[in-house]
């Protein structure tokens, strides 16, 4: 545990920010996983239907600075590639 006053405050801020980011990051990962599973199972229609929702989750994470813009673009490109491949 931190002893210095500023370090105590910083720890508290980090916890609050982590709690704020967690649902967005979790949703993004869940949507990506659903889409990957659908694509690997050969359910192309289901994967294509999940694409806009997955894009939205990635864009939300990018908007609140959970992801860098290039990282988000790379994830979106991989999801599109999964849909197009099958």
N, C-alpha and C. Protein backbone atom coordinates (compact mmCIF):
# COMPACT_ATOMS: atom_id res chain seq x y z
N UNK A 1 0.84 -1.18 0.00
CA UNK A 1 0.00 0.00 0.00
C UNK A 1 0.89 1.25 0.00
N UNK A 2 0.47 2.23 -0.77
CA UNK A 2 1.24 3.47 -0.79
C UNK A 2 1.12 4.23 0.54
N UNK A 3 2.19 4.91 0.87
CA UNK A 3 2.22 5.68 2.11
C UNK A 3 2.07 7.18 1.86
N UNK A 4 2.51 7.62 0.70
CA UNK A 4 2.48 9.04 0.38
C UNK A 4 1.08 9.42 -0.08
N UNK A 5 0.67 10.61 0.32
CA UNK A 5 -0.69 11.08 0.05
C UNK A 5 -1.02 11.07 -1.44
N UNK A 6 -0.10 11.55 -2.26
CA UNK A 6 -0.35 11.61 -3.71
C UNK A 6 -0.42 10.21 -4.31
N UNK A 7 0.37 9.28 -3.76
CA UNK A 7 0.34 7.90 -4.25
C UNK A 7 -0.97 7.21 -3.88
N UNK A 8 -1.50 7.54 -2.71
CA UNK A 8 -2.79 7.00 -2.28
C UNK A 8 -3.89 7.48 -3.23
N UNK A 9 -3.85 8.77 -3.55
CA UNK A 9 -4.84 9.33 -4.47
C UNK A 9 -4.70 8.70 -5.86
N UNK A 10 -3.48 8.54 -6.32
CA UNK A 10 -3.23 7.94 -7.64
C UNK A 10 -3.77 6.51 -7.69
N UNK A 11 -3.58 5.74 -6.63
CA UNK A 11 -4.11 4.37 -6.58
C UNK A 11 -5.63 4.38 -6.65
N UNK A 12 -6.24 5.33 -5.94
CA UNK A 12 -7.69 5.44 -5.95
C UNK A 12 -8.19 5.81 -7.34
N UNK A 13 -7.52 6.74 -8.01
CA UNK A 13 -7.90 7.14 -9.37
C UNK A 13 -7.77 5.97 -10.34
N UNK A 14 -6.69 5.22 -10.20
CA UNK A 14 -6.47 4.08 -11.09
C UNK A 14 -7.58 3.05 -10.95
N UNK A 15 -8.02 2.81 -9.73
CA UNK A 15 -9.10 1.85 -9.50
C UNK A 15 -10.40 2.32 -10.14
N UNK A 16 -10.71 3.59 -9.97
CA UNK A 16 -11.94 4.15 -10.54
C UNK A 16 -11.90 4.08 -12.06
N UNK A 17 -10.77 4.44 -12.65
CA UNK A 17 -10.64 4.42 -14.10
C UNK A 17 -10.70 3.01 -14.66
N UNK A 18 -10.10 2.06 -13.94
CA UNK A 18 -10.15 0.66 -14.36
C UNK A 18 -11.60 0.17 -14.37
N UNK A 19 -12.35 0.51 -13.33
CA UNK A 19 -13.75 0.11 -13.24
C UNK A 19 -14.58 0.74 -14.36
N UNK A 20 -14.21 1.94 -14.77
CA UNK A 20 -14.94 2.64 -15.83
C UNK A 20 -14.65 2.02 -17.20
N UNK A 21 -13.41 1.56 -17.40
CA UNK A 21 -13.02 0.99 -18.69
C UNK A 21 -13.45 -0.46 -18.88
N UNK A 22 -13.56 -1.18 -17.79
CA UNK A 22 -13.75 -2.63 -17.84
C UNK A 22 -14.96 -3.08 -18.67
N UNK A 23 -16.16 -2.51 -18.50
CA UNK A 23 -17.29 -3.01 -19.28
C UNK A 23 -17.13 -2.80 -20.78
N UNK A 24 -16.49 -1.71 -21.18
CA UNK A 24 -16.31 -1.43 -22.60
C UNK A 24 -15.34 -2.43 -23.22
N UNK A 25 -14.25 -2.66 -22.51
CA UNK A 25 -13.23 -3.60 -23.00
C UNK A 25 -13.78 -5.03 -23.03
N UNK A 26 -14.54 -5.38 -22.02
CA UNK A 26 -15.14 -6.71 -21.94
C UNK A 26 -16.13 -6.94 -23.08
N UNK A 27 -16.98 -5.95 -23.36
CA UNK A 27 -17.93 -6.06 -24.46
C UNK A 27 -17.21 -6.24 -25.79
N UNK A 28 -16.15 -5.46 -25.99
CA UNK A 28 -15.39 -5.54 -27.23
C UNK A 28 -14.81 -6.94 -27.41
N UNK A 29 -14.20 -7.47 -26.36
CA UNK A 29 -13.60 -8.80 -26.44
C UNK A 29 -14.65 -9.88 -26.67
N UNK A 30 -15.80 -9.74 -26.02
CA UNK A 30 -16.89 -10.71 -26.18
C UNK A 30 -17.41 -10.73 -27.60
N UNK A 31 -17.62 -9.55 -28.18
CA UNK A 31 -18.13 -9.46 -29.55
C UNK A 31 -17.12 -10.05 -30.54
N UNK A 32 -15.84 -9.76 -30.32
CA UNK A 32 -14.81 -10.30 -31.21
C UNK A 32 -14.77 -11.82 -31.12
N UNK A 33 -14.90 -12.34 -29.92
CA UNK A 33 -14.87 -13.79 -29.71
C UNK A 33 -16.08 -14.46 -30.37
N UNK A 34 -17.26 -13.86 -30.22
CA UNK A 34 -18.47 -14.41 -30.85
C UNK A 34 -18.30 -14.49 -32.36
N UNK A 35 -17.75 -13.42 -32.92
CA UNK A 35 -17.57 -13.36 -34.35
C UNK A 35 -16.54 -14.39 -34.83
N UNK A 36 -15.45 -14.52 -34.11
CA UNK A 36 -14.43 -15.51 -34.46
C UNK A 36 -15.01 -16.92 -34.40
N UNK A 37 -15.78 -17.20 -33.34
CA UNK A 37 -16.38 -18.53 -33.19
C UNK A 37 -17.36 -18.83 -34.33
N UNK A 38 -18.16 -17.84 -34.70
CA UNK A 38 -19.12 -18.03 -35.79
C UNK A 38 -18.39 -18.27 -37.11
N UNK A 39 -17.34 -17.52 -37.35
CA UNK A 39 -16.59 -17.67 -38.60
C UNK A 39 -15.89 -19.02 -38.67
N UNK A 40 -15.32 -19.45 -37.55
CA UNK A 40 -14.62 -20.74 -37.53
C UNK A 40 -15.59 -21.92 -37.64
N UNK A 41 -16.83 -21.72 -37.16
CA UNK A 41 -17.83 -22.78 -37.24
C UNK A 41 -18.47 -22.85 -38.63
N UNK A 42 -18.13 -21.91 -39.49
CA UNK A 42 -18.67 -21.90 -40.85
C UNK A 42 -19.99 -21.19 -40.97
N UNK A 43 -20.41 -20.47 -39.94
CA UNK A 43 -21.68 -19.74 -39.97
C UNK A 43 -21.42 -18.32 -40.49
N UNK A 44 -21.25 -18.20 -41.78
CA UNK A 44 -20.87 -16.92 -42.37
C UNK A 44 -21.96 -15.86 -42.18
N UNK A 45 -23.22 -16.26 -42.34
CA UNK A 45 -24.33 -15.30 -42.19
C UNK A 45 -24.36 -14.70 -40.78
N UNK A 46 -24.13 -15.56 -39.79
CA UNK A 46 -24.12 -15.09 -38.40
C UNK A 46 -22.94 -14.14 -38.16
N UNK A 47 -21.79 -14.48 -38.73
CA UNK A 47 -20.60 -13.64 -38.57
C UNK A 47 -20.82 -12.27 -39.23
N UNK A 48 -21.43 -12.26 -40.40
CA UNK A 48 -21.70 -11.00 -41.10
C UNK A 48 -22.71 -10.16 -40.31
N UNK A 49 -23.68 -10.81 -39.68
CA UNK A 49 -24.67 -10.09 -38.88
C UNK A 49 -24.03 -9.48 -37.63
N UNK A 50 -23.00 -10.13 -37.09
CA UNK A 50 -22.33 -9.62 -35.90
C UNK A 50 -21.31 -8.52 -36.22
N UNK A 51 -20.96 -8.37 -37.49
CA UNK A 51 -19.92 -7.41 -37.86
C UNK A 51 -20.22 -5.98 -37.42
N UNK A 52 -21.41 -5.42 -37.68
CA UNK A 52 -21.67 -4.03 -37.24
C UNK A 52 -21.60 -3.85 -35.73
N UNK A 53 -22.08 -4.84 -34.98
CA UNK A 53 -22.03 -4.75 -33.52
C UNK A 53 -20.59 -4.80 -33.03
N UNK A 54 -19.79 -5.63 -33.67
CA UNK A 54 -18.38 -5.73 -33.31
C UNK A 54 -17.65 -4.42 -33.62
N UNK A 55 -17.92 -3.86 -34.79
CA UNK A 55 -17.33 -2.56 -35.16
C UNK A 55 -17.71 -1.49 -34.14
N UNK A 56 -18.97 -1.48 -33.72
CA UNK A 56 -19.43 -0.49 -32.76
C UNK A 56 -18.68 -0.62 -31.43
N UNK A 57 -18.49 -1.86 -30.98
CA UNK A 57 -17.78 -2.09 -29.71
C UNK A 57 -16.33 -1.64 -29.82
N UNK A 58 -15.68 -1.91 -30.95
CA UNK A 58 -14.29 -1.50 -31.15
C UNK A 58 -14.20 0.02 -31.22
N UNK A 59 -15.14 0.64 -31.93
CA UNK A 59 -15.14 2.10 -32.05
C UNK A 59 -15.36 2.79 -30.70
N UNK A 60 -16.22 2.21 -29.86
CA UNK A 60 -16.45 2.77 -28.53
C UNK A 60 -15.17 2.72 -27.71
N UNK A 61 -14.46 1.59 -27.80
CA UNK A 61 -13.21 1.45 -27.05
C UNK A 61 -12.16 2.46 -27.55
N UNK A 62 -12.16 2.69 -28.85
CA UNK A 62 -11.23 3.67 -29.42
C UNK A 62 -11.59 5.08 -28.97
N UNK A 63 -12.87 5.37 -28.95
CA UNK A 63 -13.33 6.72 -28.62
C UNK A 63 -12.93 7.15 -27.21
N UNK A 64 -12.97 6.22 -26.26
CA UNK A 64 -12.62 6.57 -24.89
C UNK A 64 -11.19 6.16 -24.53
N UNK A 65 -10.37 6.04 -25.57
CA UNK A 65 -8.92 5.83 -25.43
C UNK A 65 -8.52 4.54 -24.72
N UNK A 66 -9.31 3.49 -24.90
CA UNK A 66 -8.88 2.18 -24.43
C UNK A 66 -7.94 1.57 -25.47
N UNK A 67 -8.24 1.84 -26.74
CA UNK A 67 -7.41 1.37 -27.85
C UNK A 67 -6.85 2.55 -28.61
N UNK A 68 -5.67 2.36 -29.16
CA UNK A 68 -5.11 3.34 -30.09
C UNK A 68 -5.87 3.20 -31.41
N UNK A 69 -5.94 4.27 -32.19
CA UNK A 69 -6.72 4.25 -33.43
C UNK A 69 -6.20 3.21 -34.41
N UNK A 70 -4.89 3.01 -34.47
CA UNK A 70 -4.34 2.00 -35.40
C UNK A 70 -4.64 0.59 -34.92
N UNK A 71 -4.63 0.38 -33.61
CA UNK A 71 -4.97 -0.92 -33.04
C UNK A 71 -6.44 -1.24 -33.36
N UNK A 72 -7.31 -0.25 -33.21
CA UNK A 72 -8.73 -0.45 -33.52
C UNK A 72 -8.91 -0.75 -35.00
N UNK A 73 -8.20 -0.04 -35.86
CA UNK A 73 -8.30 -0.27 -37.30
C UNK A 73 -7.84 -1.68 -37.65
N UNK A 74 -6.78 -2.13 -37.00
CA UNK A 74 -6.27 -3.48 -37.26
C UNK A 74 -7.28 -4.54 -36.83
N UNK A 75 -7.90 -4.35 -35.67
CA UNK A 75 -8.91 -5.31 -35.19
C UNK A 75 -10.11 -5.35 -36.15
N UNK A 76 -10.55 -4.19 -36.61
CA UNK A 76 -11.68 -4.13 -37.54
C UNK A 76 -11.33 -4.81 -38.86
N UNK A 77 -10.11 -4.62 -39.33
CA UNK A 77 -9.68 -5.25 -40.57
C UNK A 77 -9.66 -6.78 -40.43
N UNK A 78 -9.21 -7.25 -39.28
CA UNK A 78 -9.18 -8.70 -39.06
C UNK A 78 -10.58 -9.28 -39.01
N UNK A 79 -11.51 -8.56 -38.40
CA UNK A 79 -12.89 -9.03 -38.34
C UNK A 79 -13.51 -9.07 -39.75
N UNK A 80 -13.22 -8.06 -40.56
CA UNK A 80 -13.73 -8.03 -41.93
C UNK A 80 -13.14 -9.17 -42.75
N UNK A 81 -11.88 -9.45 -42.51
CA UNK A 81 -11.20 -10.52 -43.22
C UNK A 81 -11.80 -11.88 -42.86
N UNK A 82 -12.18 -12.05 -41.59
CA UNK A 82 -12.82 -13.28 -41.17
C UNK A 82 -14.14 -13.50 -41.92
N UNK A 83 -14.91 -12.43 -42.08
CA UNK A 83 -16.19 -12.54 -42.78
C UNK A 83 -15.99 -12.85 -44.26
N UNK A 84 -15.00 -12.24 -44.85
CA UNK A 84 -14.77 -12.39 -46.29
C UNK A 84 -14.15 -13.74 -46.64
N UNK A 85 -13.42 -14.34 -45.71
CA UNK A 85 -12.66 -15.57 -46.00
C UNK A 85 -13.57 -16.77 -46.22
N UNK A 86 -14.61 -16.89 -45.46
CA UNK A 86 -15.43 -18.10 -45.53
C UNK A 86 -16.48 -18.01 -46.62
